[in-house]
Amino acid sequence: MESLGSEHRPVIVKVNNEQRAIRVAEICEEYGFKYIVGLEYDEDLTDLKKAIQQRMTPANVYDPCPCGSGKRYKFCCAKKPFKLDL
């Protein structure tokens, strides 16, 4: 199965205003994701959060955490909920 954000499995995001759509597009471009953004009343950023979290997760959960804490990923950021600042 292809990863989220690829050509055959784009990130699908729903936002409620144009400024947030522009910010989502900037984030997707920064990570190199293929994406679809729609303007709707109810926002849905779950695909984007999952794609970024997949990109940040090391191949081995016992590798050092990318946040720089010095702990293993499994015992550091793997358990923290991912927050996306728009």
PDB file of N, CA and C in Angstrom:
ATOM      1  N   MET A   1       0.841  -1.172   0.000  1.00  0.00           N
ATOM      2  CA  MET A   1       0.000   0.000   0.000  1.00  0.00           C
ATOM      3  C   MET A   1       0.899   1.252   0.000  1.00  0.00           C
ATOM      4  N   GLU A   2       0.546   2.209  -0.802  1.00  0.00           N
ATOM      5  CA  GLU A   2       1.324   3.439  -0.891  1.00  0.00           C
ATOM      6  C   GLU A   2       1.078   4.315   0.328  1.00  0.00           C
ATOM      7  N   SER A   3       2.052   5.144   0.633  1.00  0.00           N
ATOM      8  CA  SER A   3       1.933   5.995   1.810  1.00  0.00           C
ATOM      9  C   SER A   3       0.981   7.160   1.546  1.00  0.00           C
ATOM     10  N   LEU A   4       0.448   7.678   2.613  1.00  0.00           N
ATOM     11  CA  LEU A   4      -0.464   8.809   2.540  1.00  0.00           C
ATOM     12  C   LEU A   4       0.299  10.029   2.046  1.00  0.00           C
ATOM     13  N   GLY A   5      -0.249  10.717   1.076  1.00  0.00           N
ATOM     14  CA  GLY A   5       0.403  11.884   0.490  1.00  0.00           C
ATOM     15  C   GLY A   5       1.070  11.585  -0.843  1.00  0.00           C
ATOM     16  N   SER A   6       0.924  10.344  -1.317  1.00  0.00           N
ATOM     17  CA  SER A   6       1.517   9.977  -2.605  1.00  0.00           C
ATOM     18  C   SER A   6       0.536  10.278  -3.740  1.00  0.00           C
ATOM     19  N   GLU A   7       0.971  10.036  -4.958  1.00  0.00           N
ATOM     20  CA  GLU A   7       0.146  10.320  -6.140  1.00  0.00           C
ATOM     21  C   GLU A   7      -1.167   9.536  -6.124  1.00  0.00           C
ATOM     22  N   HIS A   8      -1.106   8.263  -5.720  1.00  0.00           N
ATOM     23  CA  HIS A   8      -2.300   7.415  -5.735  1.00  0.00           C
ATOM     24  C   HIS A   8      -3.104   7.477  -4.438  1.00  0.00           C
ATOM     25  N   ARG A   9      -2.555   8.129  -3.423  1.00  0.00           N
ATOM     26  CA  ARG A   9      -3.249   8.252  -2.142  1.00  0.00           C
ATOM     27  C   ARG A   9      -3.004   9.651  -1.564  1.00  0.00           C
ATOM     28  N   PRO A  10      -3.598  10.675  -2.167  1.00  0.00           N
ATOM     29  CA  PRO A  10      -3.333  12.045  -1.720  1.00  0.00           C
ATOM     30  C   PRO A  10      -3.954  12.339  -0.351  1.00  0.00           C
ATOM     31  N   VAL A  11      -3.412  13.346   0.298  1.00  0.00           N
ATOM     32  CA  VAL A  11      -3.969  13.835   1.558  1.00  0.00           C
ATOM     33  C   VAL A  11      -5.221  14.626   1.219  1.00  0.00           C
ATOM     34  N   ILE A  12      -6.331  14.296   1.857  1.00  0.00           N
ATOM     35  CA  ILE A  12      -7.589  15.006   1.621  1.00  0.00           C
ATOM     36  C   ILE A  12      -7.917  15.809   2.869  1.00  0.00           C
ATOM     37  N   VAL A  13      -8.038  17.124   2.700  1.00  0.00           N
ATOM     38  CA  VAL A  13      -8.235  18.030   3.823  1.00  0.00           C
ATOM     39  C   VAL A  13      -9.442  18.919   3.555  1.00  0.00           C
ATOM     40  N   LYS A  14     -10.227  19.146   4.605  1.00  0.00           N
ATOM     41  CA  LYS A  14     -11.361  20.066   4.532  1.00  0.00           C
ATOM     42  C   LYS A  14     -11.111  21.190   5.522  1.00  0.00           C
ATOM     43  N   VAL A  15     -11.170  22.419   5.052  1.00  0.00           N
ATOM     44  CA  VAL A  15     -10.983  23.589   5.902  1.00  0.00           C
ATOM     45  C   VAL A  15     -12.163  24.535   5.713  1.00  0.00           C
ATOM     46  N   ASN A  16     -12.298  25.492   6.660  1.00  0.00           N
ATOM     47  CA  ASN A  16     -13.486  26.348   6.584  1.00  0.00           C
ATOM     48  C   ASN A  16     -13.221  27.761   6.055  1.00  0.00           C
ATOM     49  N   ASN A  17     -11.962  28.077   5.706  1.00  0.00           N
ATOM     50  CA  ASN A  17     -11.728  29.376   5.074  1.00  0.00           C
ATOM     51  C   ASN A  17     -10.494  29.307   4.168  1.00  0.00           C
ATOM     52  N   GLU A  18     -10.371  30.309   3.330  1.00  0.00           N
ATOM     53  CA  GLU A  18      -9.333  30.298   2.307  1.00  0.00           C
ATOM     54  C   GLU A  18      -7.927  30.469   2.882  1.00  0.00           C
ATOM     55  N   GLN A  19      -7.796  31.226   3.968  1.00  0.00           N
ATOM     56  CA  GLN A  19      -6.478  31.410   4.586  1.00  0.00           C
ATOM     57  C   GLN A  19      -5.938  30.081   5.112  1.00  0.00           C
ATOM     58  N   ARG A  20      -6.785  29.284   5.717  1.00  0.00           N
ATOM     59  CA  ARG A  20      -6.363  27.973   6.223  1.00  0.00           C
ATOM     60  C   ARG A  20      -6.039  27.041   5.060  1.00  0.00           C
ATOM     61  N   ALA A  21      -6.759  27.164   3.970  1.00  0.00           N
ATOM     62  CA  ALA A  21      -6.470  26.345   2.782  1.00  0.00           C
ATOM     63  C   ALA A  21      -5.086  26.675   2.237  1.00  0.00           C
ATOM     64  N   ILE A  22      -4.737  27.943   2.238  1.00  0.00           N
ATOM     65  CA  ILE A  22      -3.416  28.359   1.766  1.00  0.00           C
ATOM     66  C   ILE A  22      -2.345  27.804   2.694  1.00  0.00           C
ATOM     67  N   ARG A  23      -2.570  27.872   3.997  1.00  0.00           N
ATOM     68  CA  ARG A  23      -1.594  27.351   4.964  1.00  0.00           C
ATOM     69  C   ARG A  23      -1.432  25.840   4.822  1.00  0.00           C
ATOM     70  N   VAL A  24      -2.541  25.112   4.628  1.00  0.00           N
ATOM     71  CA  VAL A  24      -2.477  23.657   4.417  1.00  0.00           C
ATOM     72  C   VAL A  24      -1.681  23.348   3.152  1.00  0.00           C
ATOM     73  N   ALA A  25      -1.904  24.114   2.100  1.00  0.00           N
ATOM     74  CA  ALA A  25      -1.155  23.918   0.849  1.00  0.00           C
ATOM     75  C   ALA A  25       0.332  24.142   1.073  1.00  0.00           C
ATOM     76  N   GLU A  26       0.692  25.152   1.856  1.00  0.00           N
ATOM     77  CA  GLU A  26       2.108  25.412   2.157  1.00  0.00           C
ATOM     78  C   GLU A  26       2.729  24.245   2.920  1.00  0.00           C
ATOM     79  N   ILE A  27       2.004  23.716   3.899  1.00  0.00           N
ATOM     80  CA  ILE A  27       2.506  22.582   4.684  1.00  0.00           C
ATOM     81  C   ILE A  27       2.687  21.360   3.793  1.00  0.00           C
ATOM     82  N   CYS A  28       1.714  21.082   2.944  1.00  0.00           N
ATOM     83  CA  CYS A  28       1.800  19.928   2.048  1.00  0.00           C
ATOM     84  C   CYS A  28       2.962  20.076   1.077  1.00  0.00           C
ATOM     85  N   GLU A  29       3.176  21.272   0.556  1.00  0.00           N
ATOM     86  CA  GLU A  29       4.298  21.509  -0.346  1.00  0.00           C
ATOM     87  C   GLU A  29       5.625  21.324   0.384  1.00  0.00           C
ATOM     88  N   GLU A  30       5.680  21.770   1.631  1.00  0.00           N
ATOM     89  CA  GLU A  30       6.898  21.637   2.427  1.00  0.00           C
ATOM     90  C   GLU A  30       7.289  20.168   2.618  1.00  0.00           C
ATOM     91  N   TYR A  31       6.294  19.309   2.845  1.00  0.00           N
ATOM     92  CA  TYR A  31       6.552  17.888   3.051  1.00  0.00           C
ATOM     93  C   TYR A  31       6.550  17.092   1.747  1.00  0.00           C
ATOM     94  N   GLY A  32       6.159  17.715   0.646  1.00  0.00           N
ATOM     95  CA  GLY A  32       6.140  17.034  -0.644  1.00  0.00           C
ATOM     96  C   GLY A  32       4.938  16.116  -0.823  1.00  0.00           C
ATOM     97  N   PHE A  33       3.839  16.431  -0.146  1.00  0.00           N
ATOM     98  CA  PHE A  33       2.627  15.617  -0.244  1.00  0.00           C
ATOM     99  C   PHE A  33       1.794  16.036  -1.444  1.00  0.00           C
ATOM    100  N   LYS A  34       1.135  15.078  -2.067  1.00  0.00           N
ATOM    101  CA  LYS A  34       0.070  15.360  -3.023  1.00  0.00           C
ATOM    102  C   LYS A  34      -1.181  15.555  -2.175  1.00  0.00           C
ATOM    103  N   TYR A  35      -2.011  16.525  -2.521  1.00  0.00           N
ATOM    104  CA  TYR A  35      -3.129  16.860  -1.640  1.00  0.00           C
ATOM    105  C   TYR A  35      -4.339  17.370  -2.411  1.00  0.00           C
ATOM    106  N   ILE A  36      -5.475  17.304  -1.721  1.00  0.00           N
ATOM    107  CA  ILE A  36      -6.736  17.861  -2.211  1.00  0.00           C
ATOM    108  C   ILE A  36      -7.311  18.664  -1.054  1.00  0.00           C
ATOM    109  N   VAL A  37      -7.595  19.933  -1.287  1.00  0.00           N
ATOM    110  CA  VAL A  37      -8.150  20.793  -0.241  1.00  0.00           C
ATOM    111  C   VAL A  37      -9.537  21.232  -0.662  1.00  0.00           C
ATOM    112  N   GLY A  38     -10.476  21.093   0.254  1.00  0.00           N
ATOM    113  CA  GLY A  38     -11.839  21.528  -0.005  1.00  0.00           C
ATOM    114  C   GLY A  38     -12.291  22.510   1.055  1.00  0.00           C
ATOM    115  N   LEU A  39     -13.130  23.460   0.666  1.00  0.00           N
ATOM    116  CA  LEU A  39     -13.703  24.412   1.616  1.00  0.00           C
ATOM    117  C   LEU A  39     -15.060  23.891   2.070  1.00  0.00           C
ATOM    118  N   GLU A  40     -15.172  23.598   3.341  1.00  0.00           N
ATOM    119  CA  GLU A  40     -16.424  23.102   3.916  1.00  0.00           C
ATOM    120  C   GLU A  40     -16.598  23.695   5.296  1.00  0.00           C
ATOM    121  N   TYR A  41     -17.792  23.634   5.815  1.00  0.00           N
ATOM    122  CA  TYR A  41     -18.086  24.185   7.135  1.00  0.00           C
ATOM    123  C   TYR A  41     -17.341  23.426   8.229  1.00  0.00           C
ATOM    124  N   ASP A  42     -17.384  22.093   8.186  1.00  0.00           N
ATOM    125  CA  ASP A  42     -16.708  21.258   9.178  1.00  0.00           C
ATOM    126  C   ASP A  42     -15.305  20.915   8.700  1.00  0.00           C
ATOM    127  N   GLU A  43     -14.289  21.267   9.508  1.00  0.00           N
ATOM    128  CA  GLU A  43     -12.910  20.983   9.134  1.00  0.00           C
ATOM    129  C   GLU A  43     -12.560  19.534   9.423  1.00  0.00           C
ATOM    130  N   ASP A  44     -11.667  18.983   8.597  1.00  0.00           N
ATOM    131  CA  ASP A  44     -11.151  17.630   8.790  1.00  0.00           C
ATOM    132  C   ASP A  44      -9.689  17.625   8.368  1.00  0.00           C
ATOM    133  N   LEU A  45      -8.803  17.586   9.361  1.00  0.00           N
ATOM    134  CA  LEU A  45      -7.363  17.616   9.103  1.00  0.00           C
ATOM    135  C   LEU A  45      -6.708  16.280   9.420  1.00  0.00           C
ATOM    136  N   THR A  46      -7.482  15.219   9.608  1.00  0.00           N
ATOM    137  CA  THR A  46      -6.926  13.943  10.058  1.00  0.00           C
ATOM    138  C   THR A  46      -5.932  13.356   9.062  1.00  0.00           C
ATOM    139  N   ASP A  47      -6.202  13.415   7.775  1.00  0.00           N
ATOM    140  CA  ASP A  47      -5.263  12.879   6.781  1.00  0.00           C
ATOM    141  C   ASP A  47      -3.921  13.595   6.846  1.00  0.00           C
ATOM    142  N   LEU A  48      -3.955  14.909   6.974  1.00  0.00           N
ATOM    143  CA  LEU A  48      -2.718  15.675   7.032  1.00  0.00           C
ATOM    144  C   LEU A  48      -1.921  15.323   8.286  1.00  0.00           C
ATOM    145  N   LYS A  49      -2.597  15.222   9.416  1.00  0.00           N
ATOM    146  CA  LYS A  49      -1.927  14.856  10.664  1.00  0.00           C
ATOM    147  C   LYS A  49      -1.295  13.475  10.564  1.00  0.00           C
ATOM    148  N   LYS A  50      -2.034  12.520   9.996  1.00  0.00           N
ATOM    149  CA  LYS A  50      -1.513  11.155   9.843  1.00  0.00           C
ATOM    150  C   LYS A  50      -0.307  11.126   8.917  1.00  0.00           C
ATOM    151  N   ALA A  51      -0.376  11.873   7.821  1.00  0.00           N
ATOM    152  CA  ALA A  51       0.726  11.880   6.855  1.00  0.00           C
ATOM    153  C   ALA A  51       1.994  12.465   7.472  1.00  0.00           C
ATOM    154  N   ILE A  52       1.856  13.550   8.225  1.00  0.00           N
ATOM    155  CA  ILE A  52       3.022  14.160   8.865  1.00  0.00           C
ATOM    156  C   ILE A  52       3.580  13.230   9.934  1.00  0.00           C
ATOM    157  N   GLN A  53       2.696  12.611  10.703  1.00  0.00           N
ATOM    158  CA  GLN A  53       3.157  11.699  11.748  1.00  0.00           C
ATOM    159  C   GLN A  53       3.862  10.485  11.144  1.00  0.00           C
ATOM    160  N   GLN A  54       3.362   9.965  10.027  1.00  0.00           N
ATOM    161  CA  GLN A  54       4.032   8.851   9.349  1.00  0.00           C
ATOM    162  C   GLN A  54       5.414   9.270   8.862  1.00  0.00           C
ATOM    163  N   ARG A  55       5.523  10.492   8.352  1.00  0.00           N
ATOM    164  CA  ARG A  55       6.792  10.991   7.849  1.00  0.00           C
ATOM    165  C   ARG A  55       7.794  11.179   8.989  1.00  0.00           C
ATOM    166  N   MET A  56       7.322  11.578  10.174  1.00  0.00           N
ATOM    167  CA  MET A  56       8.197  11.839  11.309  1.00  0.00           C
ATOM    168  C   MET A  56       8.589  10.572  12.064  1.00  0.00           C
ATOM    169  N   THR A  57       7.819   9.484  11.894  1.00  0.00           N
ATOM    170  CA  THR A  57       8.084   8.253  12.621  1.00  0.00           C
ATOM    171  C   THR A  57       9.282   7.527  12.015  1.00  0.00           C
ATOM    172  N   PRO A  58      10.269   7.191  12.850  1.00  0.00           N
ATOM    173  CA  PRO A  58      11.411   6.435  12.325  1.00  0.00           C
ATOM    174  C   PRO A  58      11.010   5.008  11.970  1.00  0.00           C
ATOM    175  N   ALA A  59      11.807   4.350  11.139  1.00  0.00           N
ATOM    176  CA  ALA A  59      11.502   2.980  10.712  1.00  0.00           C
ATOM    177  C   ALA A  59      11.477   2.028  11.911  1.00  0.00           C
ATOM    178  N   ASN A  60      12.351   2.250  12.862  1.00  0.00           N
ATOM    179  CA  ASN A  60      12.406   1.428  14.069  1.00  0.00           C
ATOM    180  C   ASN A  60      11.987   2.310  15.238  1.00  0.00           C
ATOM    181  N   VAL A  61      10.968   1.906  15.981  1.00  0.00           N
ATOM    182  CA  VAL A  61      10.459   2.734  17.077  1.00  0.00           C
ATOM    183  C   VAL A  61      11.460   2.865  18.220  1.00  0.00           C
ATOM    184  N   TYR A  62      12.511   2.062  18.199  1.00  0.00           N
ATOM    185  CA  TYR A  62      13.533   2.153  19.236  1.00  0.00           C
ATOM    186  C   TYR A  62      14.690   3.067  18.828  1.00  0.00           C
ATOM    187  N   ASP A  63      14.593   3.710  17.660  1.00  0.00           N
ATOM    188  CA  ASP A  63      15.580   4.701  17.245  1.00  0.00           C
ATOM    189  C   ASP A  63      15.384   5.964  18.078  1.00  0.00           C
ATOM    190  N   PRO A  64      16.391   6.833  18.133  1.00  0.00           N
ATOM    191  CA  PRO A  64      16.229   8.090  18.870  1.00  0.00           C
ATOM    192  C   PRO A  64      15.080   8.931  18.302  1.00  0.00           C
ATOM    193  N   CYS A  65      14.404   9.626  19.180  1.00  0.00           N
ATOM    194  CA  CYS A  65      13.250  10.437  18.781  1.00  0.00           C
ATOM    195  C   CYS A  65      13.711  11.635  17.951  1.00  0.00           C
ATOM    196  N   PRO A  66      12.992  11.957  16.864  1.00  0.00           N
ATOM    197  CA  PRO A  66      13.383  13.097  16.021  1.00  0.00           C
ATOM    198  C   PRO A  66      13.211  14.450  16.708  1.00  0.00           C
ATOM    199  N   CYS A  67      12.542  14.502  17.865  1.00  0.00           N
ATOM    200  CA  CYS A  67      12.357  15.788  18.548  1.00  0.00           C
ATOM    201  C   CYS A  67      13.628  16.249  19.236  1.00  0.00           C
ATOM    202  N   GLY A  68      14.608  15.345  19.379  1.00  0.00           N
ATOM    203  CA  GLY A  68      15.883  15.723  19.974  1.00  0.00           C
ATOM    204  C   GLY A  68      15.960  15.556  21.482  1.00  0.00           C
ATOM    205  N   SER A  69      15.015  14.846  22.068  1.00  0.00           N
ATOM    206  CA  SER A  69      14.999  14.681  23.523  1.00  0.00           C
ATOM    207  C   SER A  69      16.066  13.719  24.029  1.00  0.00           C
ATOM    208  N   GLY A  70      16.563  12.854  23.147  1.00  0.00           N
ATOM    209  CA  GLY A  70      17.534  11.847  23.553  1.00  0.00           C
ATOM    210  C   GLY A  70      16.892  10.529  23.949  1.00  0.00           C
ATOM    211  N   LYS A  71      15.573  10.506  24.050  1.00  0.00           N
ATOM    212  CA  LYS A  71      14.852   9.274  24.386  1.00  0.00           C
ATOM    213  C   LYS A  71      14.573   8.486  23.114  1.00  0.00           C
ATOM    214  N   ARG A  72      14.164   7.246  23.268  1.00  0.00           N
ATOM    215  CA  ARG A  72      13.733   6.431  22.139  1.00  0.00           C
ATOM    216  C   ARG A  72      12.354   6.918  21.705  1.00  0.00           C
ATOM    217  N   TYR A  73      12.076   6.835  20.395  1.00  0.00           N
ATOM    218  CA  TYR A  73      10.808   7.324  19.858  1.00  0.00           C
ATOM    219  C   TYR A  73       9.612   6.690  20.559  1.00  0.00           C
ATOM    220  N   LYS A  74       9.684   5.382  20.818  1.00  0.00           N
ATOM    221  CA  LYS A  74       8.558   4.675  21.419  1.00  0.00           C
ATOM    222  C   LYS A  74       8.190   5.242  22.794  1.00  0.00           C
ATOM    223  N   PHE A  75       9.191   5.713  23.518  1.00  0.00           N
ATOM    224  CA  PHE A  75       8.961   6.198  24.871  1.00  0.00           C
ATOM    225  C   PHE A  75       8.848   7.719  24.949  1.00  0.00           C
ATOM    226  N   CYS A  76       8.867   8.372  23.828  1.00  0.00           N
ATOM    227  CA  CYS A  76       8.806   9.843  23.812  1.00  0.00           C
ATOM    228  C   CYS A  76       7.580  10.314  23.021  1.00  0.00           C
ATOM    229  N   CYS A  77       7.751  10.605  21.758  1.00  0.00           N
ATOM    230  CA  CYS A  77       6.699  11.228  20.940  1.00  0.00           C
ATOM    231  C   CYS A  77       5.678  10.258  20.360  1.00  0.00           C
ATOM    232  N   ALA A  78       5.927   8.954  20.424  1.00  0.00           N
ATOM    233  CA  ALA A  78       4.966   7.996  19.871  1.00  0.00           C
ATOM    234  C   ALA A  78       3.641   8.043  20.612  1.00  0.00           C
ATOM    235  N   LYS A  79       3.688   8.385  21.878  1.00  0.00           N
ATOM    236  CA  LYS A  79       2.472   8.396  22.699  1.00  0.00           C
ATOM    237  C   LYS A  79       1.807   9.760  22.767  1.00  0.00           C
ATOM    238  N   LYS A  80       2.488  10.794  22.285  1.00  0.00           N
ATOM    239  CA  LYS A  80       1.945  12.144  22.334  1.00  0.00           C
ATOM    240  C   LYS A  80       1.009  12.381  21.161  1.00  0.00           C
ATOM    241  N   PRO A  81      -0.133  13.017  21.399  1.00  0.00           N
ATOM    242  CA  PRO A  81      -0.995  13.367  20.263  1.00  0.00           C
ATOM    243  C   PRO A  81      -0.336  14.445  19.415  1.00  0.00           C
ATOM    244  N   PHE A  82      -0.481  14.327  18.109  1.00  0.00           N
ATOM    245  CA  PHE A  82       0.145  15.260  17.187  1.00  0.00           C
ATOM    246  C   PHE A  82      -0.700  16.523  17.095  1.00  0.00           C
ATOM    247  N   LYS A  83      -0.074  17.687  17.267  1.00  0.00           N
ATOM    248  CA  LYS A  83      -0.775  18.966  17.166  1.00  0.00           C
ATOM    249  C   LYS A  83      -0.293  19.687  15.917  1.00  0.00           C
ATOM    250  N   LEU A  84      -1.227  20.178  15.156  1.00  0.00           N
ATOM    251  CA  LEU A  84      -0.919  20.888  13.919  1.00  0.00           C
ATOM    252  C   LEU A  84      -1.318  22.347  14.091  1.00  0.00           C
ATOM    253  N   ASP A  85      -0.357  23.251  13.996  1.00  0.00           N
ATOM    254  CA  ASP A  85      -0.631  24.674  14.135  1.00  0.00           C
ATOM    255  C   ASP A  85      -0.873  25.297  12.768  1.00  0.00           C
ATOM    256  N   LEU A  86      -2.068  25.785  12.570  1.00  0.00           N
ATOM    257  CA  LEU A  86      -2.396  26.485  11.326  1.00  0.00           C
ATOM    258  C   LEU A  86      -2.556  27.933  11.674  1.00  0.00           C
TER     259      LEU A  86
END
